[in-house]
Each structure stands twice: as structure tokens, then as C-alpha cells.
Amino acid sequence: MFTQVWQLFTSTLAAFFGVQSDKNRHRDFGDNESPIPFIIMGIVMAILLVLGLFFIVSQVTS
């Protein structure tokens, strides 16, 4: 279970930065896997990025 979540996280993180390899893309979507977990992980990561940036800016400006 943890390895699947870790693989989902690393694949989403690589795609976030645009460095996802073709091999990993085929591993993730080659067996007609659902994109829903990747979409949810992407949304969560985007929210964490915005919250992190908000926290950093609020600390710098205070």
C-alpha cells in the first residue's frame, strides 16, 4: 500500500515539474489505469504548494 502511494506521489511530482519519463508514464497508464488518483494527488499537491507559498510570504512580510 505504501509503495503504491509513494509511486503515485513520485509520478505526480515528476509530472508536476514536467520530467516524467516515458517508461514511468507507460507504467502508470499502460494497463488502462484510472487517472483519478493522479488527478486527486495533483490537486492535493497544488493546494499544499499554494499554502506553503502563502506561509512563506506571510513569514517574510511580518
C-alpha atoms as a PDB file:
ATOM      1  CA  MET A   1       0.000   0.000   0.000  1.00  0.00           C
ATOM      2  CA  PHE A   2       2.722   2.470   0.978  1.00  0.00           C
ATOM      3  CA  THR A   3       4.713   1.669  -2.167  1.00  0.00           C
ATOM      4  CA  GLN A   4       1.668   2.392  -4.335  1.00  0.00           C
ATOM      5  CA  VAL A   5       1.098   5.742  -2.638  1.00  0.00           C
ATOM      6  CA  TRP A   6       4.804   6.557  -2.916  1.00  0.00           C
ATOM      7  CA  GLN A   7       4.780   5.633  -6.623  1.00  0.00           C
ATOM      8  CA  LEU A   8       1.684   7.794  -7.125  1.00  0.00           C
ATOM      9  CA  PHE A   9       3.363  10.694  -5.301  1.00  0.00           C
ATOM     10  CA  THR A  10       6.654  10.451  -7.223  1.00  0.00           C
ATOM     11  CA  SER A  11       4.898  10.107 -10.574  1.00  0.00           C
ATOM     12  CA  THR A  12       2.686  13.102  -9.852  1.00  0.00           C
ATOM     13  CA  LEU A  13       5.642  15.136  -8.596  1.00  0.00           C
ATOM     14  CA  ALA A  14       7.644  14.318 -11.735  1.00  0.00           C
ATOM     15  CA  ALA A  15       4.691  15.285 -13.915  1.00  0.00           C
ATOM     16  CA  PHE A  16       4.285  18.476 -11.858  1.00  0.00           C
ATOM     17  CA  PHE A  17       7.770  19.533 -12.953  1.00  0.00           C
ATOM     18  CA  GLY A  18       7.438  18.097 -16.458  1.00  0.00           C
ATOM     19  CA  VAL A  19      10.165  15.468 -16.137  1.00  0.00           C
ATOM     20  CA  GLN A  20       8.046  12.311 -16.215  1.00  0.00           C
ATOM     21  CA  SER A  21       9.814   9.619 -18.230  1.00  0.00           C
ATOM     22  CA  ASP A  22       8.026   7.720 -20.962  1.00  0.00           C
ATOM     23  CA  LYS A  23       8.752   4.448 -19.157  1.00  0.00           C
ATOM     24  CA  ASN A  24       7.038   5.684 -15.986  1.00  0.00           C
ATOM     25  CA  ARG A  25       4.107   7.070 -17.949  1.00  0.00           C
ATOM     26  CA  HIS A  26       3.568   3.663 -19.545  1.00  0.00           C
ATOM     27  CA  ARG A  27       3.902   2.037 -16.109  1.00  0.00           C
ATOM     28  CA  ASP A  28       1.247   4.382 -14.703  1.00  0.00           C
ATOM     29  CA  PHE A  29      -1.233   4.323 -17.584  1.00  0.00           C
ATOM     30  CA  GLY A  30      -0.262   1.273 -19.642  1.00  0.00           C
ATOM     31  CA  ASP A  31      -2.805  -1.081 -18.109  1.00  0.00           C
ATOM     32  CA  ASN A  32      -5.764   1.274 -18.574  1.00  0.00           C
ATOM     33  CA  GLU A  33      -5.318   2.578 -15.045  1.00  0.00           C
ATOM     34  CA  SER A  34      -7.739   5.254 -13.935  1.00  0.00           C
ATOM     35  CA  PRO A  35      -6.324   8.801 -13.924  1.00  0.00           C
ATOM     36  CA  ILE A  36      -8.493   9.750 -10.910  1.00  0.00           C
ATOM     37  CA  PRO A  37      -5.818   9.024  -8.237  1.00  0.00           C
ATOM     38  CA  PHE A  38      -3.300  11.131 -10.174  1.00  0.00           C
ATOM     39  CA  ILE A  39      -5.793  13.978 -10.506  1.00  0.00           C
ATOM     40  CA  ILE A  40      -6.580  13.888  -6.783  1.00  0.00           C
ATOM     41  CA  MET A  41      -2.866  13.759  -5.884  1.00  0.00           C
ATOM     42  CA  GLY A  42      -2.205  16.683  -8.242  1.00  0.00           C
ATOM     43  CA  ILE A  43      -4.935  18.769  -6.635  1.00  0.00           C
ATOM     44  CA  VAL A  44      -3.637  17.984  -3.146  1.00  0.00           C
ATOM     45  CA  MET A  45      -0.077  18.867  -4.170  1.00  0.00           C
ATOM     46  CA  ALA A  46      -1.231  22.131  -5.776  1.00  0.00           C
ATOM     47  CA  ILE A  47      -3.115  23.101  -2.612  1.00  0.00           C
ATOM     48  CA  LEU A  48      -0.058  22.291  -0.473  1.00  0.00           C
ATOM     49  CA  LEU A  49       2.129  24.366  -2.798  1.00  0.00           C
ATOM     50  CA  VAL A  50      -0.184  27.384  -2.528  1.00  0.00           C
ATOM     51  CA  LEU A  51      -0.470  27.035   1.252  1.00  0.00           C
ATOM     52  CA  GLY A  52       3.304  26.686   1.561  1.00  0.00           C
ATOM     53  CA  LEU A  53       3.906  29.781  -0.537  1.00  0.00           C
ATOM     54  CA  PHE A  54       1.296  31.695   1.450  1.00  0.00           C
ATOM     55  CA  PHE A  55       3.006  30.684   4.708  1.00  0.00           C
ATOM     56  CA  ILE A  56       6.461  31.688   3.432  1.00  0.00           C
ATOM     57  CA  VAL A  57       5.244  35.062   2.163  1.00  0.00           C
ATOM     58  CA  SER A  58       3.373  35.783   5.395  1.00  0.00           C
ATOM     59  CA  GLN A  59       6.512  34.982   7.413  1.00  0.00           C
ATOM     60  CA  VAL A  60       8.727  37.158   5.242  1.00  0.00           C
ATOM     61  CA  THR A  61       6.380  40.147   5.272  1.00  0.00           C
ATOM     62  CA  SER A  62       5.693  40.081   9.011  1.00  0.00           C
END
